[in-house]
Amino acid sequence: MLIVTLNQKMQRRRKQWPIFEERIKLVIVTMLKVIPIGHLRKLFGKEEIILRKTFVDASELLEYLNKTKSDDRVIINRENTLFFVKDVELSALDGLETKLEDNTVITLVPITHGG
């Protein structure tokens, strides 16, 4: 959680509006768009998944996706799925430690996607 201290200008306004407190807490929520391809669409039941949740890195997103899919017998991992973050595969980035920014598009392509 990010805590922002009021600057001097806002502190002067505080006298005008007594509802201000000395600190305002802001929760930063990112928006991610996940596009599952092939049989992964059926697994999630959607053509795209919009997540308004904060994920530190790709491993946290992967853990979340494995918890929310419809079939517990199927496991999504790096061995059976290509992960593209902003059209770049994770192996060309920092792997599962790749940081996820706001408005990032993640595409999930199963290895058995046909061709």
PDB file of N, CA and C in Angstrom:
ATOM      1  N   MET A   1       0.842  -1.161   0.000  1.00  0.00           N
ATOM      2  CA  MET A   1       0.000   0.000   0.000  1.00  0.00           C
ATOM      3  C   MET A   1       0.897   1.236   0.000  1.00  0.00           C
ATOM      4  N   LEU A   2       0.576   2.191  -0.809  1.00  0.00           N
ATOM      5  CA  LEU A   2       1.345   3.423  -0.943  1.00  0.00           C
ATOM      6  C   LEU A   2       0.713   4.497  -0.077  1.00  0.00           C
ATOM      7  N   ILE A   3       1.521   5.163   0.714  1.00  0.00           N
ATOM      8  CA  ILE A   3       1.007   6.245   1.568  1.00  0.00           C
ATOM      9  C   ILE A   3       1.604   7.551   1.059  1.00  0.00           C
ATOM     10  N   VAL A   4       0.752   8.497   0.769  1.00  0.00           N
ATOM     11  CA  VAL A   4       1.174   9.781   0.241  1.00  0.00           C
ATOM     12  C   VAL A   4       0.974  10.836   1.321  1.00  0.00           C
ATOM     13  N   THR A   5       2.012  11.597   1.630  1.00  0.00           N
ATOM     14  CA  THR A   5       1.909  12.684   2.597  1.00  0.00           C
ATOM     15  C   THR A   5       1.451  13.935   1.864  1.00  0.00           C
ATOM     16  N   LEU A   6       0.555  14.687   2.459  1.00  0.00           N
ATOM     17  CA  LEU A   6       0.046  15.901   1.831  1.00  0.00           C
ATOM     18  C   LEU A   6       1.151  16.946   1.691  1.00  0.00           C
ATOM     19  N   ASN A   7       1.232  17.578   0.526  1.00  0.00           N
ATOM     20  CA  ASN A   7       2.218  18.639   0.346  1.00  0.00           C
ATOM     21  C   ASN A   7       1.708  19.931   0.996  1.00  0.00           C
ATOM     22  N   GLN A   8       2.538  20.972   0.972  1.00  0.00           N
ATOM     23  CA  GLN A   8       2.191  22.214   1.676  1.00  0.00           C
ATOM     24  C   GLN A   8       0.921  22.860   1.136  1.00  0.00           C
ATOM     25  N   LYS A   9       0.746  22.851  -0.181  1.00  0.00           N
ATOM     26  CA  LYS A   9      -0.442  23.468  -0.772  1.00  0.00           C
ATOM     27  C   LYS A   9      -1.710  22.771  -0.283  1.00  0.00           C
ATOM     28  N   MET A  10      -1.652  21.438  -0.259  1.00  0.00           N
ATOM     29  CA  MET A  10      -2.827  20.692   0.206  1.00  0.00           C
ATOM     30  C   MET A  10      -3.030  20.885   1.704  1.00  0.00           C
ATOM     31  N   GLN A  11      -1.945  21.074   2.443  1.00  0.00           N
ATOM     32  CA  GLN A  11      -2.095  21.307   3.874  1.00  0.00           C
ATOM     33  C   GLN A  11      -2.784  22.635   4.141  1.00  0.00           C
ATOM     34  N   ARG A  12      -2.519  23.638   3.276  1.00  0.00           N
ATOM     35  CA  ARG A  12      -3.228  24.915   3.422  1.00  0.00           C
ATOM     36  C   ARG A  12      -4.710  24.727   3.135  1.00  0.00           C
ATOM     37  N   ARG A  13      -5.009  23.920   2.123  1.00  0.00           N
ATOM     38  CA  ARG A  13      -6.421  23.657   1.796  1.00  0.00           C
ATOM     39  C   ARG A  13      -7.104  22.842   2.886  1.00  0.00           C
ATOM     40  N   ARG A  14      -6.315  22.117   3.626  1.00  0.00           N
ATOM     41  CA  ARG A  14      -6.873  21.291   4.695  1.00  0.00           C
ATOM     42  C   ARG A  14      -7.665  22.145   5.682  1.00  0.00           C
ATOM     43  N   LYS A  15      -7.198  23.358   5.870  1.00  0.00           N
ATOM     44  CA  LYS A  15      -7.903  24.273   6.776  1.00  0.00           C
ATOM     45  C   LYS A  15      -9.279  24.624   6.213  1.00  0.00           C
ATOM     46  N   GLN A  16      -9.370  24.672   4.868  1.00  0.00           N
ATOM     47  CA  GLN A  16     -10.647  24.972   4.242  1.00  0.00           C
ATOM     48  C   GLN A  16     -11.578  23.763   4.287  1.00  0.00           C
ATOM     49  N   TRP A  17     -10.987  22.575   4.125  1.00  0.00           N
ATOM     50  CA  TRP A  17     -11.779  21.342   4.138  1.00  0.00           C
ATOM     51  C   TRP A  17     -11.297  20.451   5.265  1.00  0.00           C
ATOM     52  N   PRO A  18     -11.953  20.490   6.383  1.00  0.00           N
ATOM     53  CA  PRO A  18     -11.469  19.733   7.541  1.00  0.00           C
ATOM     54  C   PRO A  18     -11.531  18.213   7.371  1.00  0.00           C
ATOM     55  N   ILE A  19     -12.138  17.753   6.275  1.00  0.00           N
ATOM     56  CA  ILE A  19     -12.209  16.298   6.101  1.00  0.00           C
ATOM     57  C   ILE A  19     -10.877  15.698   5.675  1.00  0.00           C
ATOM     58  N   PHE A  20      -9.921  16.557   5.225  1.00  0.00           N
ATOM     59  CA  PHE A  20      -8.598  16.041   4.859  1.00  0.00           C
ATOM     60  C   PHE A  20      -7.906  15.499   6.099  1.00  0.00           C
ATOM     61  N   GLU A  21      -7.179  14.441   5.918  1.00  0.00           N
ATOM     62  CA  GLU A  21      -6.341  13.918   6.984  1.00  0.00           C
ATOM     63  C   GLU A  21      -4.892  14.178   6.601  1.00  0.00           C
ATOM     64  N   GLU A  22      -3.976  13.941   7.500  1.00  0.00           N
ATOM     65  CA  GLU A  22      -2.577  14.194   7.183  1.00  0.00           C
ATOM     66  C   GLU A  22      -2.032  13.200   6.170  1.00  0.00           C
ATOM     67  N   ARG A  23      -2.600  12.053   6.102  1.00  0.00           N
ATOM     68  CA  ARG A  23      -2.143  11.059   5.132  1.00  0.00           C
ATOM     69  C   ARG A  23      -3.340  10.482   4.383  1.00  0.00           C
ATOM     70  N   ILE A  24      -3.137  10.277   3.111  1.00  0.00           N
ATOM     71  CA  ILE A  24      -4.164   9.657   2.282  1.00  0.00           C
ATOM     72  C   ILE A  24      -3.605   8.326   1.801  1.00  0.00           C
ATOM     73  N   LYS A  25      -4.356   7.253   1.987  1.00  0.00           N
ATOM     74  CA  LYS A  25      -3.894   5.950   1.535  1.00  0.00           C
ATOM     75  C   LYS A  25      -4.457   5.678   0.144  1.00  0.00           C
ATOM     76  N   LEU A  26      -3.583   5.251  -0.728  1.00  0.00           N
ATOM     77  CA  LEU A  26      -3.990   4.908  -2.077  1.00  0.00           C
ATOM     78  C   LEU A  26      -3.654   3.453  -2.346  1.00  0.00           C
ATOM     79  N   VAL A  27      -4.596   2.727  -2.860  1.00  0.00           N
ATOM     80  CA  VAL A  27      -4.337   1.365  -3.279  1.00  0.00           C
ATOM     81  C   VAL A  27      -4.226   1.378  -4.798  1.00  0.00           C
ATOM     82  N   ILE A  28      -3.108   0.908  -5.295  1.00  0.00           N
ATOM     83  CA  ILE A  28      -2.884   0.914  -6.731  1.00  0.00           C
ATOM     84  C   ILE A  28      -3.340  -0.430  -7.293  1.00  0.00           C
ATOM     85  N   VAL A  29      -4.301  -0.384  -8.183  1.00  0.00           N
ATOM     86  CA  VAL A  29      -4.827  -1.592  -8.814  1.00  0.00           C
ATOM     87  C   VAL A  29      -4.505  -1.509 -10.294  1.00  0.00           C
ATOM     88  N   THR A  30      -3.890  -2.544 -10.808  1.00  0.00           N
ATOM     89  CA  THR A  30      -3.566  -2.561 -12.225  1.00  0.00           C
ATOM     90  C   THR A  30      -4.660  -3.280 -12.996  1.00  0.00           C
ATOM     91  N   MET A  31      -4.698  -3.033 -14.281  1.00  0.00           N
ATOM     92  CA  MET A  31      -5.640  -3.713 -15.158  1.00  0.00           C
ATOM     93  C   MET A  31      -4.821  -4.517 -16.154  1.00  0.00           C
ATOM     94  N   LEU A  32      -5.060  -5.816 -16.177  1.00  0.00           N
ATOM     95  CA  LEU A  32      -4.386  -6.706 -17.108  1.00  0.00           C
ATOM     96  C   LEU A  32      -5.412  -7.341 -18.020  1.00  0.00           C
ATOM     97  N   LYS A  33      -5.016  -7.580 -19.252  1.00  0.00           N
ATOM     98  CA  LYS A  33      -5.872  -8.269 -20.204  1.00  0.00           C
ATOM     99  C   LYS A  33      -5.165  -9.559 -20.597  1.00  0.00           C
ATOM    100  N   VAL A  34      -5.816 -10.686 -20.336  1.00  0.00           N
ATOM    101  CA  VAL A  34      -5.258 -11.996 -20.670  1.00  0.00           C
ATOM    102  C   VAL A  34      -6.075 -12.564 -21.822  1.00  0.00           C
ATOM    103  N   ILE A  35      -5.376 -12.964 -22.892  1.00  0.00           N
ATOM    104  CA  ILE A  35      -6.043 -13.533 -24.059  1.00  0.00           C
ATOM    105  C   ILE A  35      -5.636 -15.004 -24.178  1.00  0.00           C
ATOM    106  N   PRO A  36      -6.523 -15.920 -23.799  1.00  0.00           N
ATOM    107  CA  PRO A  36      -6.214 -17.344 -23.963  1.00  0.00           C
ATOM    108  C   PRO A  36      -6.516 -17.789 -25.398  1.00  0.00           C
ATOM    109  N   ILE A  37      -5.655 -18.610 -25.961  1.00  0.00           N
ATOM    110  CA  ILE A  37      -5.797 -19.101 -27.330  1.00  0.00           C
ATOM    111  C   ILE A  37      -6.094 -20.601 -27.296  1.00  0.00           C
ATOM    112  N   GLY A  38      -6.799 -21.076 -28.321  1.00  0.00           N
ATOM    113  CA  GLY A  38      -7.062 -22.515 -28.467  1.00  0.00           C
ATOM    114  C   GLY A  38      -7.904 -23.076 -27.339  1.00  0.00           C
ATOM    115  N   HIS A  39      -7.491 -24.253 -26.860  1.00  0.00           N
ATOM    116  CA  HIS A  39      -8.289 -24.926 -25.825  1.00  0.00           C
ATOM    117  C   HIS A  39      -8.281 -24.169 -24.499  1.00  0.00           C
ATOM    118  N   LEU A  40      -7.373 -23.222 -24.336  1.00  0.00           N
ATOM    119  CA  LEU A  40      -7.370 -22.426 -23.101  1.00  0.00           C
ATOM    120  C   LEU A  40      -8.600 -21.522 -23.014  1.00  0.00           C
ATOM    121  N   ARG A  41      -9.142 -21.142 -24.176  1.00  0.00           N
ATOM    122  CA  ARG A  41     -10.394 -20.353 -24.154  1.00  0.00           C
ATOM    123  C   ARG A  41     -11.515 -21.134 -23.501  1.00  0.00           C
ATOM    124  N   LYS A  42     -11.602 -22.415 -23.854  1.00  0.00           N
ATOM    125  CA  LYS A  42     -12.641 -23.257 -23.238  1.00  0.00           C
ATOM    126  C   LYS A  42     -12.378 -23.436 -21.746  1.00  0.00           C
ATOM    127  N   LEU A  43     -11.118 -23.518 -21.388  1.00  0.00           N
ATOM    128  CA  LEU A  43     -10.741 -23.713 -19.992  1.00  0.00           C
ATOM    129  C   LEU A  43     -11.178 -22.529 -19.122  1.00  0.00           C
ATOM    130  N   PHE A  44     -11.110 -21.331 -19.695  1.00  0.00           N
ATOM    131  CA  PHE A  44     -11.518 -20.127 -18.958  1.00  0.00           C
ATOM    132  C   PHE A  44     -12.920 -19.667 -19.326  1.00  0.00           C
ATOM    133  N   GLY A  45     -13.464 -20.174 -20.431  1.00  0.00           N
ATOM    134  CA  GLY A  45     -14.811 -19.821 -20.841  1.00  0.00           C
ATOM    135  C   GLY A  45     -14.950 -18.411 -21.377  1.00  0.00           C
ATOM    136  N   LYS A  46     -13.834 -17.806 -21.782  1.00  0.00           N
ATOM    137  CA  LYS A  46     -13.860 -16.422 -22.271  1.00  0.00           C
ATOM    138  C   LYS A  46     -12.817 -16.242 -23.366  1.00  0.00           C
ATOM    139  N   GLU A  47     -13.086 -15.287 -24.263  1.00  0.00           N
ATOM    140  CA  GLU A  47     -12.098 -14.959 -25.284  1.00  0.00           C
ATOM    141  C   GLU A  47     -11.018 -14.039 -24.738  1.00  0.00           C
ATOM    142  N   GLU A  48     -11.358 -13.280 -23.714  1.00  0.00           N
ATOM    143  CA  GLU A  48     -10.367 -12.461 -23.028  1.00  0.00           C
ATOM    144  C   GLU A  48     -10.780 -12.290 -21.576  1.00  0.00           C
ATOM    145  N   ILE A  49      -9.780 -12.172 -20.745  1.00  0.00           N
ATOM    146  CA  ILE A  49     -10.006 -12.045 -19.306  1.00  0.00           C
ATOM    147  C   ILE A  49      -9.445 -10.696 -18.873  1.00  0.00           C
ATOM    148  N   ILE A  50     -10.293  -9.870 -18.301  1.00  0.00           N
ATOM    149  CA  ILE A  50      -9.853  -8.575 -17.788  1.00  0.00           C
ATOM    150  C   ILE A  50      -9.694  -8.723 -16.275  1.00  0.00           C
ATOM    151  N   LEU A  51      -8.499  -8.466 -15.788  1.00  0.00           N
ATOM    152  CA  LEU A  51      -8.218  -8.592 -14.364  1.00  0.00           C
ATOM    153  C   LEU A  51      -7.895  -7.223 -13.791  1.00  0.00           C
ATOM    154  N   ARG A  52      -8.639  -6.836 -12.793  1.00  0.00           N
ATOM    155  CA  ARG A  52      -8.351  -5.588 -12.073  1.00  0.00           C
ATOM    156  C   ARG A  52      -7.795  -5.985 -10.715  1.00  0.00           C
ATOM    157  N   LYS A  53      -6.570  -6.382 -10.753  1.00  0.00           N
ATOM    158  CA  LYS A  53      -5.916  -6.936  -9.579  1.00  0.00           C
ATOM    159  C   LYS A  53      -4.422  -6.677  -9.733  1.00  0.00           C
ATOM    160  N   THR A  54      -3.728  -6.525  -8.639  1.00  0.00           N
ATOM    161  CA  THR A  54      -2.294  -6.269  -8.691  1.00  0.00           C
ATOM    162  C   THR A  54      -1.525  -7.572  -8.593  1.00  0.00           C
ATOM    163  N   PHE A  55      -0.661  -7.798  -9.568  1.00  0.00           N
ATOM    164  CA  PHE A  55       0.230  -8.949  -9.568  1.00  0.00           C
ATOM    165  C   PHE A  55       1.651  -8.424  -9.607  1.00  0.00           C
ATOM    166  N   VAL A  56       2.508  -8.928  -8.732  1.00  0.00           N
ATOM    167  CA  VAL A  56       3.891  -8.475  -8.696  1.00  0.00           C
ATOM    168  C   VAL A  56       4.628  -8.925  -9.950  1.00  0.00           C
ATOM    169  N   ASP A  57       4.419 -10.191 -10.324  1.00  0.00           N
ATOM    170  CA  ASP A  57       5.124 -10.712 -11.485  1.00  0.00           C
ATOM    171  C   ASP A  57       4.293 -11.792 -12.175  1.00  0.00           C
ATOM    172  N   ALA A  58       4.851 -12.358 -13.231  1.00  0.00           N
ATOM    173  CA  ALA A  58       4.139 -13.358 -14.026  1.00  0.00           C
ATOM    174  C   ALA A  58       3.843 -14.626 -13.235  1.00  0.00           C
ATOM    175  N   SER A  59       4.684 -14.969 -12.272  1.00  0.00           N
ATOM    176  CA  SER A  59       4.424 -16.182 -11.482  1.00  0.00           C
ATOM    177  C   SER A  59       3.154 -16.043 -10.652  1.00  0.00           C
ATOM    178  N   GLU A  60       2.891 -14.851 -10.107  1.00  0.00           N
ATOM    179  CA  GLU A  60       1.655 -14.632  -9.348  1.00  0.00           C
ATOM    180  C   GLU A  60       0.436 -14.720 -10.248  1.00  0.00           C
ATOM    181  N   LEU A  61       0.552 -14.188 -11.464  1.00  0.00           N
ATOM    182  CA  LEU A  61      -0.550 -14.288 -12.425  1.00  0.00           C
ATOM    183  C   LEU A  61      -0.807 -15.739 -12.785  1.00  0.00           C
ATOM    184  N   LEU A  62       0.243 -16.502 -13.030  1.00  0.00           N
ATOM    185  CA  LEU A  62       0.108 -17.919 -13.364  1.00  0.00           C
ATOM    186  C   LEU A  62      -0.579 -18.683 -12.234  1.00  0.00           C
ATOM    187  N   GLU A  63      -0.193 -18.399 -11.009  1.00  0.00           N
ATOM    188  CA  GLU A  63      -0.821 -19.049  -9.846  1.00  0.00           C
ATOM    189  C   GLU A  63      -2.311 -18.706  -9.778  1.00  0.00           C
ATOM    190  N   TYR A  64      -2.644 -17.448  -9.999  1.00  0.00           N
ATOM    191  CA  TYR A  64      -4.039 -17.008  -9.983  1.00  0.00           C
ATOM    192  C   TYR A  64      -4.844 -17.689 -11.096  1.00  0.00           C
ATOM    193  N   LEU A  65      -4.289 -17.750 -12.307  1.00  0.00           N
ATOM    194  CA  LEU A  65      -4.994 -18.375 -13.427  1.00  0.00           C
ATOM    195  C   LEU A  65      -5.238 -19.856 -13.177  1.00  0.00           C
ATOM    196  N   ASN A  66      -4.281 -20.542 -12.565  1.00  0.00           N
ATOM    197  CA  ASN A  66      -4.467 -21.958 -12.255  1.00  0.00           C
ATOM    198  C   ASN A  66      -5.556 -22.180 -11.212  1.00  0.00           C
ATOM    199  N   LYS A  67      -5.775 -21.212 -10.345  1.00  0.00           N
ATOM    200  CA  LYS A  67      -6.843 -21.332  -9.341  1.00  0.00           C
ATOM    201  C   LYS A  67      -8.222 -21.040  -9.923  1.00  0.00           C
ATOM    202  N   THR A  68      -8.291 -20.221 -10.986  1.00  0.00           N
ATOM    203  CA  THR A  68      -9.591 -19.771 -11.489  1.00  0.00           C
ATOM    204  C   THR A  68     -10.086 -20.523 -12.716  1.00  0.00           C
ATOM    205  N   LYS A  69      -9.308 -21.427 -13.273  1.00  0.00           N
ATOM    206  CA  LYS A  69      -9.746 -22.154 -14.475  1.00  0.00           C
ATOM    207  C   LYS A  69     -10.823 -23.166 -14.127  1.00  0.00           C
ATOM    208  N   SER A  70     -11.543 -23.631 -15.155  1.00  0.00           N
ATOM    209  CA  SER A  70     -12.701 -24.496 -14.921  1.00  0.00           C
ATOM    210  C   SER A  70     -12.346 -25.958 -14.648  1.00  0.00           C
ATOM    211  N   ASP A  71     -11.206 -26.432 -15.114  1.00  0.00           N
ATOM    212  CA  ASP A  71     -10.838 -27.846 -14.967  1.00  0.00           C
ATOM    213  C   ASP A  71      -9.580 -27.958 -14.116  1.00  0.00           C
ATOM    214  N   ASP A  72      -9.726 -28.525 -12.909  1.00  0.00           N
ATOM    215  CA  ASP A  72      -8.587 -28.651 -11.999  1.00  0.00           C
ATOM    216  C   ASP A  72      -7.569 -29.689 -12.460  1.00  0.00           C
ATOM    217  N   ARG A  73      -7.941 -30.552 -13.398  1.00  0.00           N
ATOM    218  CA  ARG A  73      -7.006 -31.571 -13.884  1.00  0.00           C
ATOM    219  C   ARG A  73      -5.951 -30.985 -14.813  1.00  0.00           C
ATOM    220  N   VAL A  74      -6.245 -29.849 -15.404  1.00  0.00           N
ATOM    221  CA  VAL A  74      -5.316 -29.196 -16.330  1.00  0.00           C
ATOM    222  C   VAL A  74      -4.481 -28.178 -15.561  1.00  0.00           C
ATOM    223  N   ILE A  75      -3.170 -28.238 -15.744  1.00  0.00           N
ATOM    224  CA  ILE A  75      -2.271 -27.286 -15.099  1.00  0.00           C
ATOM    225  C   ILE A  75      -1.601 -26.461 -16.189  1.00  0.00           C
ATOM    226  N   ILE A  76      -1.676 -25.149 -16.035  1.00  0.00           N
ATOM    227  CA  ILE A  76      -1.023 -24.249 -16.978  1.00  0.00           C
ATOM    228  C   ILE A  76       0.362 -23.935 -16.417  1.00  0.00           C
ATOM    229  N   ASN A  77       1.395 -24.243 -17.208  1.00  0.00           N
ATOM    230  CA  ASN A  77       2.756 -23.940 -16.773  1.00  0.00           C
ATOM    231  C   ASN A  77       3.626 -23.603 -17.978  1.00  0.00           C
ATOM    232  N   ARG A  78       4.883 -23.331 -17.738  1.00  0.00           N
ATOM    233  CA  ARG A  78       5.791 -22.931 -18.818  1.00  0.00           C
ATOM    234  C   ARG A  78       6.095 -24.082 -19.770  1.00  0.00           C
ATOM    235  N   GLU A  79       5.923 -25.319 -19.317  1.00  0.00           N
ATOM    236  CA  GLU A  79       6.210 -26.473 -20.173  1.00  0.00           C
ATOM    237  C   GLU A  79       5.132 -26.692 -21.231  1.00  0.00           C
ATOM    238  N   ASN A  80       3.895 -26.282 -20.958  1.00  0.00           N
ATOM    239  CA  ASN A  80       2.815 -26.554 -21.910  1.00  0.00           C
ATOM    240  C   ASN A  80       2.148 -25.296 -22.475  1.00  0.00           C
ATOM    241  N   THR A  81       2.649 -24.119 -22.103  1.00  0.00           N
ATOM    242  CA  THR A  81       2.027 -22.877 -22.549  1.00  0.00           C
ATOM    243  C   THR A  81       3.091 -21.820 -22.831  1.00  0.00           C
ATOM    244  N   LEU A  82       2.930 -21.127 -23.950  1.00  0.00           N
ATOM    245  CA  LEU A  82       3.778 -19.974 -24.245  1.00  0.00           C
ATOM    246  C   LEU A  82       3.097 -18.740 -23.675  1.00  0.00           C
ATOM    247  N   PHE A  83       3.846 -17.934 -22.944  1.00  0.00           N
ATOM    248  CA  PHE A  83       3.332 -16.712 -22.330  1.00  0.00           C
ATOM    249  C   PHE A  83       3.933 -15.516 -23.053  1.00  0.00           C
ATOM    250  N   PHE A  84       3.092 -14.705 -23.638  1.00  0.00           N
ATOM    251  CA  PHE A  84       3.553 -13.502 -24.300  1.00  0.00           C
ATOM    252  C   PHE A  84       3.100 -12.284 -23.495  1.00  0.00           C
ATOM    253  N   VAL A  85       4.042 -11.456 -23.102  1.00  0.00           N
ATOM    254  CA  VAL A  85       3.750 -10.215 -22.401  1.00  0.00           C
ATOM    255  C   VAL A  85       4.085  -9.089 -23.368  1.00  0.00           C
ATOM    256  N   LYS A  86       3.069  -8.340 -23.768  1.00  0.00           N
ATOM    257  CA  LYS A  86       3.241  -7.289 -24.779  1.00  0.00           C
ATOM    258  C   LYS A  86       3.905  -7.858 -26.033  1.00  0.00           C
ATOM    259  N   ASP A  87       3.431  -9.028 -26.470  1.00  0.00           N
ATOM    260  CA  ASP A  87       3.899  -9.706 -27.681  1.00  0.00           C
ATOM    261  C   ASP A  87       5.338 -10.197 -27.618  1.00  0.00           C
ATOM    262  N   VAL A  88       5.920 -10.306 -26.428  1.00  0.00           N
ATOM    263  CA  VAL A  88       7.268 -10.852 -26.259  1.00  0.00           C
ATOM    264  C   VAL A  88       7.159 -12.058 -25.326  1.00  0.00           C
ATOM    265  N   GLU A  89       7.724 -13.198 -25.751  1.00  0.00           N
ATOM    266  CA  GLU A  89       7.649 -14.414 -24.939  1.00  0.00           C
ATOM    267  C   GLU A  89       8.467 -14.229 -23.656  1.00  0.00           C
ATOM    268  N   LEU A  90       7.963 -14.817 -22.557  1.00  0.00           N
ATOM    269  CA  LEU A  90       8.582 -14.646 -21.241  1.00  0.00           C
ATOM    270  C   LEU A  90      10.059 -15.018 -21.213  1.00  0.00           C
ATOM    271  N   SER A  91      10.468 -16.026 -21.982  1.00  0.00           N
ATOM    272  CA  SER A  91      11.869 -16.448 -21.952  1.00  0.00           C
ATOM    273  C   SER A  91      12.803 -15.352 -22.475  1.00  0.00           C
ATOM    274  N   ALA A  92      12.290 -14.436 -23.300  1.00  0.00           N
ATOM    275  CA  ALA A  92      13.088 -13.313 -23.791  1.00  0.00           C
ATOM    276  C   ALA A  92      13.098 -12.161 -22.782  1.00  0.00           C
ATOM    277  N   LEU A  93      12.286 -12.273 -21.751  1.00  0.00           N
ATOM    278  CA  LEU A  93      12.225 -11.256 -20.695  1.00  0.00           C
ATOM    279  C   LEU A  93      12.900 -11.826 -19.448  1.00  0.00           C
ATOM    280  N   ASP A  94      12.280 -11.689 -18.304  1.00  0.00           N
ATOM    281  CA  ASP A  94      12.837 -12.215 -17.051  1.00  0.00           C
ATOM    282  C   ASP A  94      12.137 -13.484 -16.587  1.00  0.00           C
ATOM    283  N   GLY A  95      11.581 -14.240 -17.519  1.00  0.00           N
ATOM    284  CA  GLY A  95      10.879 -15.466 -17.152  1.00  0.00           C
ATOM    285  C   GLY A  95       9.687 -15.168 -16.264  1.00  0.00           C
ATOM    286  N   LEU A  96       9.433 -16.039 -15.301  1.00  0.00           N
ATOM    287  CA  LEU A  96       8.291 -15.856 -14.405  1.00  0.00           C
ATOM    288  C   LEU A  96       8.482 -14.679 -13.448  1.00  0.00           C
ATOM    289  N   GLU A  97       9.674 -14.121 -13.408  1.00  0.00           N
ATOM    290  CA  GLU A  97       9.930 -12.950 -12.560  1.00  0.00           C
ATOM    291  C   GLU A  97       9.654 -11.641 -13.311  1.00  0.00           C
ATOM    292  N   THR A  98       9.124 -11.729 -14.525  1.00  0.00           N
ATOM    293  CA  THR A  98       8.806 -10.537 -15.312  1.00  0.00           C
ATOM    294  C   THR A  98       7.746  -9.720 -14.592  1.00  0.00           C
ATOM    295  N   LYS A  99       8.029  -8.443 -14.372  1.00  0.00           N
ATOM    296  CA  LYS A  99       7.088  -7.544 -13.715  1.00  0.00           C
ATOM    297  C   LYS A  99       5.946  -7.210 -14.670  1.00  0.00           C
ATOM    298  N   LEU A 100       4.733  -7.126 -14.144  1.00  0.00           N
ATOM    299  CA  LEU A 100       3.550  -6.819 -14.943  1.00  0.00           C
ATOM    300  C   LEU A 100       3.087  -5.403 -14.636  1.00  0.00           C
ATOM    301  N   GLU A 101       3.033  -4.596 -15.677  1.00  0.00           N
ATOM    302  CA  GLU A 101       2.623  -3.200 -15.531  1.00  0.00           C
ATOM    303  C   GLU A 101       1.138  -3.051 -15.843  1.00  0.00           C
ATOM    304  N   ASP A 102       0.616  -1.881 -15.519  1.00  0.00           N
ATOM    305  CA  ASP A 102      -0.776  -1.557 -15.803  1.00  0.00           C
ATOM    306  C   ASP A 102      -1.026  -1.581 -17.311  1.00  0.00           C
ATOM    307  N   ASN A 103      -2.202  -2.036 -17.699  1.00  0.00           N
ATOM    308  CA  ASN A 103      -2.637  -2.118 -19.104  1.00  0.00           C
ATOM    309  C   ASN A 103      -1.788  -3.059 -19.955  1.00  0.00           C
ATOM    310  N   THR A 104      -1.232  -4.070 -19.349  1.00  0.00           N
ATOM    311  CA  THR A 104      -0.436  -5.048 -20.077  1.00  0.00           C
ATOM    312  C   THR A 104      -1.357  -6.100 -20.675  1.00  0.00           C
ATOM    313  N   VAL A 105      -1.032  -6.526 -21.896  1.00  0.00           N
ATOM    314  CA  VAL A 105      -1.765  -7.608 -22.551  1.00  0.00           C
ATOM    315  C   VAL A 105      -0.901  -8.855 -22.497  1.00  0.00           C
ATOM    316  N   ILE A 106      -1.457  -9.941 -21.937  1.00  0.00           N
ATOM    317  CA  ILE A 106      -0.765 -11.220 -21.843  1.00  0.00           C
ATOM    318  C   ILE A 106      -1.516 -12.204 -22.736  1.00  0.00           C
ATOM    319  N   THR A 107      -0.807 -12.858 -23.631  1.00  0.00           N
ATOM    320  CA  THR A 107      -1.414 -13.862 -24.511  1.00  0.00           C
ATOM    321  C   THR A 107      -0.899 -15.219 -24.095  1.00  0.00           C
ATOM    322  N   LEU A 108      -1.816 -16.168 -23.900  1.00  0.00           N
ATOM    323  CA  LEU A 108      -1.468 -17.534 -23.528  1.00  0.00           C
ATOM    324  C   LEU A 108      -1.712 -18.459 -24.723  1.00  0.00           C
ATOM    325  N   VAL A 109      -0.652 -19.089 -25.206  1.00  0.00           N
ATOM    326  CA  VAL A 109      -0.750 -19.978 -26.362  1.00  0.00           C
ATOM    327  C   VAL A 109      -0.315 -21.367 -25.928  1.00  0.00           C
ATOM    328  N   PRO A 110      -1.220 -22.358 -25.991  1.00  0.00           N
ATOM    329  CA  PRO A 110      -0.811 -23.709 -25.609  1.00  0.00           C
ATOM    330  C   PRO A 110       0.205 -24.261 -26.626  1.00  0.00           C
ATOM    331  N   ILE A 111       1.132 -25.080 -26.146  1.00  0.00           N
ATOM    332  CA  ILE A 111       2.131 -25.680 -27.026  1.00  0.00           C
ATOM    333  C   ILE A 111       1.444 -26.519 -28.109  1.00  0.00           C
ATOM    334  N   THR A 112       0.348 -27.173 -27.756  1.00  0.00           N
ATOM    335  CA  THR A 112      -0.409 -27.993 -28.714  1.00  0.00           C
ATOM    336  C   THR A 112      -1.476 -27.151 -29.395  1.00  0.00           C
ATOM    337  N   HIS A 113      -1.068 -26.035 -30.007  1.00  0.00           N
ATOM    338  CA  HIS A 113      -2.026 -25.105 -30.589  1.00  0.00           C
ATOM    339  C   HIS A 113      -2.313 -25.375 -32.062  1.00  0.00           C
ATOM    340  N   GLY A 114      -1.648 -26.318 -32.648  1.00  0.00           N
ATOM    341  CA  GLY A 114      -1.876 -26.594 -34.072  1.00  0.00           C
ATOM    342  C   GLY A 114      -1.098 -25.637 -34.938  1.00  0.00           C
ATOM    343  N   GLY A 115      -1.362 -25.647 -36.215  1.00  0.00           N
ATOM    344  CA  GLY A 115      -0.573 -24.740 -37.031  1.00  0.00           C
ATOM    345  C   GLY A 115      -0.873 -24.814 -38.477  1.00  0.00           C
TER     346      GLY A 115
END
